[in-house]
Amino acid sequence: MWARRGKKATLHWLLNGGRGPHMIGPSPTVDGHGIDPTNEWGHDVLWWLDRMVRSQRPLAEKMTLFWHDHFATSDQQTPLMLRQNKMLRGRALGSFPALLKAVTTDPAMLLFLSLADSDKGAPNENYARELMELFTLGRGYNEHDIREAARALTGFQSRWSRGGNFEGIHYSRENHDRGVKRIFHRRGRFDWHDVVGLVTHHPAHAPFMVEKLWGFFITKPIDHRSRTKLVRLYRHHRLQIKPLVGAILAHPKLYADLDRPDMVKAPLVFLAGALRSTGRYIDDDAWSWILEEMGQYPFHPPSVAGWDWGPAWISTNTTRARFTAVNWLVRQGPLKVEDGSTPVGLSPADHMERALAATGRPWISSTTAGALNALIPRFFEDVKPTQTSRMQQRSDMCQRALRHLLLSGPDAQLH
């Protein structure tokens, strides 16, 4: 459909969404019951995976994943992680300074990087350091800037019940360092609001964010001209994320090698894409542990630096896990080939067409198409036309194999 409507209409829909509900299809279930993302192990993962599969706003989910990695927060209480995820989604394409303010005051982040309970007597530098190094600048600061920013960020206090349960965060002016600080050669009685303003208006911020977002969508290094234009665009729109992402998605380099994709799919992208393209919804809790084996378990990034992307996703163990994921896909649901369901006597071209239609027509290279077409006759080479039962078994076997290979082969790992 989108191929007919064209690039401009497609990008408009991606960036702005279309009419109708945000979510389509049946709600997620496990063993016939609704999921419980707050209390059941792995159901928080199923909750987000379900959004990726059923969302009518796929770019919002893609950007939520980007920000989850960018502002990596891990191993906090599930309700706090779900709250953070909803916050990231709501601000995924809006103002970066507004997003950064929300992240800075987010309870999960405050606890993860020890900004909660950092007070004037002993400022904790964790958040100030990652704020500059990983979240906004990458360069252009020094240790003095970090120490002074840590002073400015003091004042957030955690509240706990007598039973040891977390109850929330409040800001205490008594615990905030009200003294004069010097950050980026500027002096003032800065607080956390000022720190957000200082880092987002720093000359290094716009180039840093342009390069980070470019690398999320395009594998080729950004050239000087494109960087300059995108930095100017980002600043012109007062650090709004949507115009920058839109410009990257419209950039010619994104479309330069559509017949030779070279970006390795992240596990979440791989699995959500396979489920979405094959019409399978969340009806099993296996996807949680399968994602863990594939190396990307949502809400639990390995460090504050997030995951390693690109070819790092592919190893012997993680590739086996991807193969396992496709096993689960083809054994049940819309992809399952019931015994006796494949017409006997299909030509190789008909077999391929049937498998492609069932799997959502994933991209395959001409080399892969040739290899699969050559494989099909081999399923039947030792079967006589009169052996009806064996011919039926081989026809079903051929379909199962083709569907699996289309979703698990080398081409399926790239986009």
Protein backbone atom coordinates (compact mmCIF):
# COMPACT_ATOMS: atom_id res chain seq x y z
CA MET A 1 0.00 0.00 0.00
CA TRP A 2 2.71 2.47 1.00
CA ALA A 3 4.73 1.70 -2.11
CA ARG A 4 1.78 2.99 -4.12
CA ARG A 5 1.24 6.06 -1.96
CA GLY A 6 4.85 7.15 -2.20
CA LYS A 7 7.69 8.29 0.02
CA LYS A 8 6.19 11.62 1.08
CA ALA A 9 2.87 10.13 2.23
CA THR A 10 4.64 7.27 3.98
CA LEU A 11 6.93 9.58 5.94
CA HIS A 12 4.00 11.80 6.90
CA TRP A 13 2.15 8.78 8.30
CA LEU A 14 5.24 7.56 10.16
CA LEU A 15 5.90 10.93 11.75
CA ASN A 16 2.33 11.94 12.53
CA GLY A 17 0.28 8.74 12.61
CA GLY A 18 -2.99 8.17 10.85
CA ARG A 19 -6.63 7.91 11.71
CA GLY A 20 -8.01 5.22 13.91
CA PRO A 21 -6.92 3.66 17.20
CA HIS A 22 -3.30 3.52 18.26
CA MET A 23 -3.55 -0.25 18.81
CA ILE A 24 -5.22 -2.88 16.67
CA GLY A 25 -5.77 -6.61 17.13
CA PRO A 26 -6.41 -8.75 20.20
CA SER A 27 -4.91 -7.84 23.57
CA PRO A 28 -1.99 -9.98 24.80
CA THR A 29 -2.70 -13.20 26.65
CA VAL A 30 -0.83 -16.08 28.27
CA ASP A 31 -2.62 -19.40 28.67
CA GLY A 32 -5.85 -17.67 27.76
CA HIS A 33 -5.56 -14.97 30.44
CA GLY A 34 -4.57 -11.33 30.20
CA ILE A 35 -0.99 -10.45 31.07
CA ASP A 36 0.06 -8.86 34.37
CA PRO A 37 3.08 -6.65 33.55
CA THR A 38 3.51 -5.42 37.13
CA ASN A 39 3.57 -8.73 38.98
CA GLU A 40 4.43 -11.61 36.62
CA TRP A 41 8.02 -12.22 35.48
CA GLY A 42 8.50 -11.29 31.83
CA HIS A 43 5.04 -9.78 31.40
CA ASP A 44 6.48 -6.27 31.32
CA VAL A 45 8.46 -7.40 28.28
CA LEU A 46 5.33 -8.90 26.73
CA TRP A 47 3.48 -5.63 27.37
CA TRP A 48 6.00 -3.60 25.38
CA LEU A 49 6.46 -6.24 22.68
CA ASP A 50 2.68 -6.24 22.24
CA ARG A 51 2.75 -2.49 21.66
CA MET A 52 5.40 -2.93 18.99
CA VAL A 53 3.34 -5.59 17.25
CA ARG A 54 -0.08 -3.92 17.39
CA SER A 55 0.80 -0.23 17.31
CA GLN A 56 -0.44 2.03 14.53
CA ARG A 57 2.42 4.37 15.48
CA PRO A 58 5.48 2.19 14.80
CA LEU A 59 7.92 5.11 14.73
CA ALA A 60 6.86 6.10 18.24
CA GLU A 61 7.74 2.58 19.42
CA LYS A 62 11.03 2.66 17.51
CA MET A 63 11.92 5.97 19.14
CA THR A 64 10.85 4.70 22.56
CA LEU A 65 13.38 1.91 22.06
CA PHE A 66 16.00 4.47 21.03
CA TRP A 67 15.44 6.55 24.16
CA HIS A 68 15.32 3.46 26.38
CA ASP A 69 18.82 2.65 25.13
CA HIS A 70 19.99 6.28 25.15
CA PHE A 71 18.80 6.92 28.72
CA ALA A 72 19.54 3.36 29.74
CA THR A 73 17.95 2.54 33.09
CA SER A 74 18.03 -0.99 34.46
CA ASP A 75 16.85 -3.29 37.24
CA GLN A 76 14.52 -0.85 38.99
CA GLN A 77 11.06 -1.71 40.32
CA THR A 78 8.77 -2.79 37.51
CA PRO A 79 6.12 -0.08 38.10
CA LEU A 80 8.84 2.58 37.86
CA MET A 81 10.24 1.10 34.64
CA LEU A 82 6.78 0.93 33.07
CA ARG A 83 6.16 4.52 34.10
CA GLN A 84 9.44 5.59 32.53
CA ASN A 85 8.62 3.70 29.34
CA LYS A 86 5.28 5.50 29.04
CA MET A 87 6.99 8.83 29.63
CA LEU A 88 9.58 8.13 26.91
CA ARG A 89 6.84 7.17 24.46
CA GLY A 90 4.83 10.29 25.18
CA ARG A 91 7.84 12.53 24.54
CA ALA A 92 9.62 10.42 21.92
CA LEU A 93 9.26 12.92 19.08
CA GLY A 94 8.81 16.16 20.99
CA SER A 95 11.20 18.67 22.56
CA PHE A 96 14.53 17.24 23.67
CA PRO A 97 14.93 19.72 26.56
CA ALA A 98 11.45 18.77 27.79
CA LEU A 99 12.33 15.08 27.47
CA LEU A 100 15.58 15.62 29.37
CA LYS A 101 13.74 17.41 32.18
CA ALA A 102 11.33 14.47 32.43
CA VAL A 103 14.24 12.00 32.48
CA THR A 104 16.09 14.00 35.12
CA THR A 105 13.06 13.88 37.45
CA ASP A 106 12.08 10.30 36.58
CA PRO A 107 12.10 8.10 39.71
CA ALA A 108 13.67 5.08 37.98
CA MET A 109 16.53 7.22 36.65
CA LEU A 110 16.93 9.10 39.94
CA LEU A 111 17.40 5.79 41.76
CA PHE A 112 19.49 4.11 39.06
CA LEU A 113 22.15 6.83 38.86
CA SER A 114 21.95 7.80 42.54
CA LEU A 115 20.65 11.30 41.90
CA ALA A 116 18.04 10.62 44.57
CA ASP A 117 19.51 11.49 47.97
CA SER A 118 22.45 13.36 46.46
CA ASP A 119 22.67 16.37 48.79
CA LYS A 120 24.83 19.41 49.37
CA GLY A 121 26.95 17.62 51.93
CA ALA A 122 27.99 14.84 49.53
CA PRO A 123 26.99 15.47 45.89
CA ASN A 124 26.91 12.28 43.83
CA GLU A 125 28.52 12.72 40.40
CA ASN A 126 26.99 9.72 38.63
CA TYR A 127 24.12 11.47 36.88
CA ALA A 128 26.10 14.62 36.07
CA ARG A 129 28.80 12.52 34.40
CA GLU A 130 26.43 10.40 32.30
CA LEU A 131 24.32 13.46 31.50
CA MET A 132 27.28 15.01 29.72
CA GLU A 133 29.10 11.95 28.43
CA LEU A 134 26.21 9.77 27.25
CA PHE A 135 23.01 11.81 27.17
CA THR A 136 23.82 15.24 25.71
CA LEU A 137 27.40 16.14 24.79
CA GLY A 138 29.95 13.36 24.36
CA ARG A 139 32.70 16.00 24.51
CA GLY A 140 33.26 19.65 25.43
CA TYR A 141 33.26 19.31 29.23
CA ASN A 142 35.77 18.55 31.98
CA GLU A 143 35.86 17.10 35.48
CA HIS A 144 35.26 20.52 37.02
CA ASP A 145 32.03 20.87 35.01
CA ILE A 146 30.88 17.47 36.27
CA ARG A 147 31.62 18.29 39.91
CA GLU A 148 29.84 21.64 39.70
CA ALA A 149 26.86 20.15 37.86
CA ALA A 150 26.61 17.49 40.58
CA ARG A 151 26.31 20.31 43.13
CA ALA A 152 23.60 21.96 41.06
CA LEU A 153 21.68 18.69 40.78
CA THR A 154 21.41 18.13 44.53
CA GLY A 155 18.07 18.22 46.31
CA PHE A 156 16.12 15.19 45.12
CA GLN A 157 15.14 13.00 48.05
CA SER A 158 13.57 9.55 48.09
CA ARG A 159 10.71 8.58 50.39
CA TRP A 160 10.44 5.09 51.85
CA SER A 161 7.83 3.49 54.04
CA ARG A 162 8.67 1.95 57.38
CA GLY A 163 8.43 -1.39 55.66
CA GLY A 164 11.14 -0.42 53.20
CA ASN A 165 8.88 0.21 50.20
CA PHE A 166 9.68 3.05 47.83
CA GLU A 167 6.98 5.74 47.96
CA GLY A 168 8.29 8.46 45.68
CA ILE A 169 10.68 11.38 45.15
CA HIS A 170 10.42 14.93 46.42
CA TYR A 171 12.65 17.95 45.95
CA SER A 172 14.13 19.46 49.10
CA ARG A 173 15.57 22.96 48.88
CA GLU A 174 17.21 22.38 52.26
CA ASN A 175 19.30 19.59 50.73
CA HIS A 176 20.14 21.56 47.57
CA ASP A 177 23.47 23.33 47.28
CA ARG A 178 22.49 26.96 46.76
CA GLY A 179 26.03 28.21 46.36
CA VAL A 180 27.60 29.72 43.24
CA LYS A 181 28.79 27.17 40.67
CA ARG A 182 30.90 27.52 37.53
CA ILE A 183 29.80 25.27 34.64
CA PHE A 184 31.06 25.67 31.07
CA HIS A 185 32.76 28.93 32.13
CA ARG A 186 29.46 30.39 33.34
CA ARG A 187 28.80 31.33 36.95
CA GLY A 188 25.52 31.25 38.83
CA ARG A 189 23.49 29.71 41.63
CA PHE A 190 22.47 26.92 39.32
CA ASP A 191 19.90 24.20 40.08
CA TRP A 192 18.78 21.19 38.08
CA HIS A 193 16.66 23.28 35.70
CA ASP A 194 19.73 25.35 34.86
CA VAL A 195 21.86 22.26 34.24
CA VAL A 196 19.35 20.98 31.68
CA GLY A 197 19.47 24.34 29.94
CA LEU A 198 23.27 24.50 30.01
CA VAL A 199 23.84 21.09 28.45
CA THR A 200 21.15 21.42 25.78
CA HIS A 201 22.44 24.83 24.69
CA HIS A 202 26.07 23.74 24.72
CA PRO A 203 27.65 23.91 21.21
CA ALA A 204 28.45 20.17 21.34
CA HIS A 205 24.88 19.05 21.97
CA ALA A 206 23.32 19.44 18.52
CA PRO A 207 26.16 17.63 16.64
CA PHE A 208 26.13 14.90 19.30
CA MET A 209 22.39 14.26 18.97
CA VAL A 210 22.45 14.44 15.17
CA GLU A 211 25.18 11.79 15.00
CA LYS A 212 23.46 9.56 17.56
CA LEU A 213 20.12 9.59 15.74
CA TRP A 214 21.77 9.23 12.33
CA GLY A 215 23.55 6.07 13.49
CA PHE A 216 20.29 4.61 14.76
CA PHE A 217 18.77 4.70 11.26
CA ILE A 218 21.72 4.73 8.84
CA THR A 219 24.86 2.59 8.98
CA LYS A 220 27.02 4.77 6.72
CA PRO A 221 28.98 7.48 8.58
CA ILE A 222 27.45 10.90 8.33
CA ASP A 223 29.23 13.25 5.93
CA HIS A 224 30.20 16.79 6.85
CA ARG A 225 27.56 18.46 4.67
CA SER A 226 24.72 16.35 6.03
CA ARG A 227 25.87 16.89 9.61
CA THR A 228 25.98 20.64 9.11
CA LYS A 229 22.50 20.77 7.55
CA LEU A 230 20.94 18.55 10.22
CA VAL A 231 22.55 20.44 13.08
CA ARG A 232 21.21 23.69 11.62
CA LEU A 233 17.75 22.12 11.25
CA TYR A 234 17.74 20.80 14.82
CA ARG A 235 18.71 24.17 16.24
CA HIS A 236 16.27 26.04 13.97
CA HIS A 237 13.42 23.95 15.36
CA ARG A 238 14.53 24.66 18.95
CA LEU A 239 15.78 21.10 19.56
CA GLN A 240 12.55 19.41 18.48
CA ILE A 241 13.13 15.73 17.73
CA LYS A 242 10.48 15.13 15.07
CA PRO A 243 11.88 17.46 12.38
CA LEU A 244 15.35 15.98 12.84
CA VAL A 245 14.12 12.39 12.62
CA GLY A 246 11.99 13.31 9.61
CA ALA A 247 15.00 14.75 7.82
CA ILE A 248 17.06 11.64 8.54
CA LEU A 249 14.28 9.36 7.31
CA ALA A 250 14.06 11.41 4.09
CA HIS A 251 17.83 11.48 3.52
CA PRO A 252 19.03 9.84 0.25
CA LYS A 253 21.62 7.76 2.11
CA LEU A 254 18.84 5.84 3.83
CA TYR A 255 17.69 4.62 0.41
CA ALA A 256 21.08 4.26 -1.31
CA ASP A 257 21.40 0.47 -0.96
CA LEU A 258 17.90 -0.90 -0.50
CA ASP A 259 18.92 -4.01 -2.44
CA ARG A 260 21.89 -4.55 -0.08
CA PRO A 261 20.72 -3.83 3.49
CA ASP A 262 23.54 -3.89 6.03
CA MET A 263 22.00 -2.92 9.38
CA VAL A 264 21.68 -5.89 11.73
CA LYS A 265 18.26 -6.00 13.35
CA ALA A 266 18.23 -5.66 17.10
CA PRO A 267 16.51 -8.65 18.77
CA LEU A 268 13.40 -6.62 19.62
CA VAL A 269 13.19 -5.30 16.08
CA PHE A 270 13.73 -8.80 14.67
CA LEU A 271 11.05 -10.42 16.82
CA ALA A 272 8.46 -7.64 16.70
CA GLY A 273 8.86 -7.40 12.93
CA ALA A 274 8.42 -11.14 12.47
CA LEU A 275 5.31 -11.21 14.66
CA ARG A 276 3.84 -8.15 12.99
CA SER A 277 4.48 -9.29 9.43
CA THR A 278 3.04 -12.76 10.00
CA GLY A 279 -0.11 -11.65 11.83
CA ARG A 280 0.87 -13.27 15.12
CA TYR A 281 -0.11 -11.57 18.37
CA ILE A 282 1.18 -12.07 21.90
CA ASP A 283 -0.32 -15.33 23.10
CA ASP A 284 2.67 -16.97 24.79
CA ASP A 285 5.18 -15.94 27.47
CA ALA A 286 8.04 -17.69 25.68
CA TRP A 287 8.99 -14.45 23.93
CA SER A 288 10.40 -13.07 27.19
CA TRP A 289 13.05 -15.71 27.70
CA ILE A 290 13.72 -15.92 23.97
CA LEU A 291 14.52 -12.19 23.91
CA GLU A 292 16.79 -12.68 26.90
CA GLU A 293 18.68 -15.39 25.00
CA MET A 294 18.88 -13.15 21.94
CA GLY A 295 20.74 -10.58 24.01
CA GLN A 296 18.21 -7.76 24.42
CA TYR A 297 15.98 -8.00 27.44
CA PRO A 298 13.89 -4.81 27.69
CA PHE A 299 14.00 -2.84 30.94
CA HIS A 300 17.34 -4.49 31.74
CA PRO A 301 20.07 -2.95 29.53
CA PRO A 302 23.52 -4.20 30.56
CA SER A 303 24.83 -0.79 31.71
CA VAL A 304 24.14 2.94 31.63
CA ALA A 305 25.75 2.91 28.17
CA GLY A 306 22.95 0.68 26.89
CA TRP A 307 23.43 -2.18 24.46
CA ASP A 308 26.13 -2.62 21.83
CA TRP A 309 24.38 -2.36 18.45
CA GLY A 310 25.17 -3.51 14.92
CA PRO A 311 27.12 -6.74 14.31
CA ALA A 312 27.49 -7.15 18.09
CA TRP A 313 23.94 -8.53 18.08
CA ILE A 314 25.12 -11.60 16.15
CA SER A 315 27.01 -14.42 17.86
CA THR A 316 26.74 -18.20 17.91
CA ASN A 317 24.41 -18.19 20.91
CA THR A 318 22.23 -15.24 19.88
CA THR A 319 21.84 -16.58 16.34
CA ARG A 320 20.68 -19.90 17.77
CA ALA A 321 18.15 -17.97 19.88
CA ARG A 322 16.84 -16.21 16.76
CA PHE A 323 16.44 -19.63 15.16
CA THR A 324 14.51 -20.75 18.26
CA ALA A 325 12.23 -17.72 17.98
CA VAL A 326 11.30 -18.72 14.43
CA ASN A 327 10.71 -22.29 15.61
CA TRP A 328 8.03 -20.91 17.95
CA LEU A 329 6.57 -18.83 15.16
CA VAL A 330 6.15 -21.67 12.66
CA ARG A 331 4.92 -24.30 15.14
CA GLN A 332 1.71 -22.48 15.98
CA GLY A 333 -0.40 -19.54 14.94
CA PRO A 334 -0.90 -18.28 11.37
CA LEU A 335 2.43 -19.69 10.17
CA LYS A 336 1.76 -23.26 11.24
CA VAL A 337 1.42 -25.69 8.35
CA GLU A 338 -1.18 -28.28 9.29
CA ASP A 339 -0.69 -31.80 7.96
CA GLY A 340 -2.34 -32.11 4.58
CA SER A 341 -2.89 -28.36 4.14
CA THR A 342 -0.41 -27.78 1.30
CA PRO A 343 -1.69 -28.49 -2.21
CA VAL A 344 0.19 -31.31 -3.88
CA GLY A 345 1.94 -30.66 -7.19
CA LEU A 346 2.82 -27.00 -6.68
CA SER A 347 5.61 -25.70 -8.88
CA PRO A 348 8.72 -24.23 -7.21
CA ALA A 349 7.43 -20.75 -8.05
CA ASP A 350 4.05 -21.54 -6.45
CA HIS A 351 5.73 -22.92 -3.34
CA MET A 352 7.78 -19.75 -3.02
CA GLU A 353 4.76 -17.54 -3.54
CA ARG A 354 2.80 -19.43 -0.89
CA ALA A 355 5.66 -19.13 1.63
CA LEU A 356 6.27 -15.46 0.89
CA ALA A 357 2.59 -14.62 1.30
CA ALA A 358 2.46 -16.42 4.65
CA THR A 359 5.55 -14.64 6.03
CA GLY A 360 4.58 -11.13 5.01
CA ARG A 361 6.87 -10.99 1.99
CA PRO A 362 10.18 -10.29 3.74
CA TRP A 363 13.04 -8.92 1.68
CA ILE A 364 15.35 -11.58 0.24
CA SER A 365 18.34 -11.15 -2.03
CA SER A 366 18.47 -12.62 -5.51
CA THR A 367 21.10 -15.06 -4.23
CA THR A 368 18.78 -16.30 -1.48
CA ALA A 369 15.83 -16.52 -3.88
CA GLY A 370 17.93 -18.62 -6.24
CA ALA A 371 19.09 -20.94 -3.47
CA LEU A 372 15.55 -21.47 -2.16
CA ASN A 373 14.15 -22.12 -5.62
CA ALA A 374 16.90 -24.69 -6.18
CA LEU A 375 16.12 -26.32 -2.84
CA ILE A 376 12.41 -26.91 -3.49
CA PRO A 377 12.73 -29.73 -6.07
CA ARG A 378 15.04 -31.64 -3.75
CA PHE A 379 12.15 -32.24 -1.35
CA PHE A 380 10.49 -34.38 -4.03
CA GLU A 381 13.35 -35.97 -5.95
CA ASP A 382 12.97 -39.40 -4.33
CA VAL A 383 9.14 -39.39 -4.34
CA LYS A 384 7.11 -40.91 -7.17
CA PRO A 385 3.92 -39.11 -8.32
CA THR A 386 1.92 -42.19 -7.39
CA GLN A 387 3.07 -42.01 -3.77
CA THR A 388 0.30 -39.67 -2.74
CA SER A 389 0.86 -39.83 1.01
CA ARG A 390 4.60 -39.18 0.77
CA MET A 391 4.02 -36.38 -1.75
CA GLN A 392 1.64 -34.71 0.70
CA GLN A 393 4.13 -35.05 3.55
CA ARG A 394 6.94 -33.57 1.46
CA SER A 395 4.71 -30.70 0.29
CA ASP A 396 3.94 -29.76 3.90
CA MET A 397 7.61 -30.19 4.85
CA CYS A 398 8.68 -27.94 1.99
CA GLN A 399 6.34 -25.17 3.15
CA ARG A 400 7.53 -25.43 6.74
CA ALA A 401 11.16 -25.22 5.68
CA LEU A 402 10.62 -22.28 3.33
CA ARG A 403 8.71 -20.27 5.92
CA HIS A 404 11.38 -20.93 8.51
CA LEU A 405 14.25 -20.04 6.18
CA LEU A 406 12.58 -16.84 5.03
CA LEU A 407 12.32 -15.67 8.65
CA SER A 408 15.56 -17.08 10.07
CA GLY A 409 18.03 -16.92 7.18
CA PRO A 410 20.81 -14.32 6.81
CA ASP A 411 18.63 -11.87 4.89
CA ALA A 412 16.06 -11.82 7.71
CA GLN A 413 18.68 -10.48 10.12
CA LEU A 414 19.18 -7.27 8.12
CA HIS A 415 17.22 -4.16 7.29
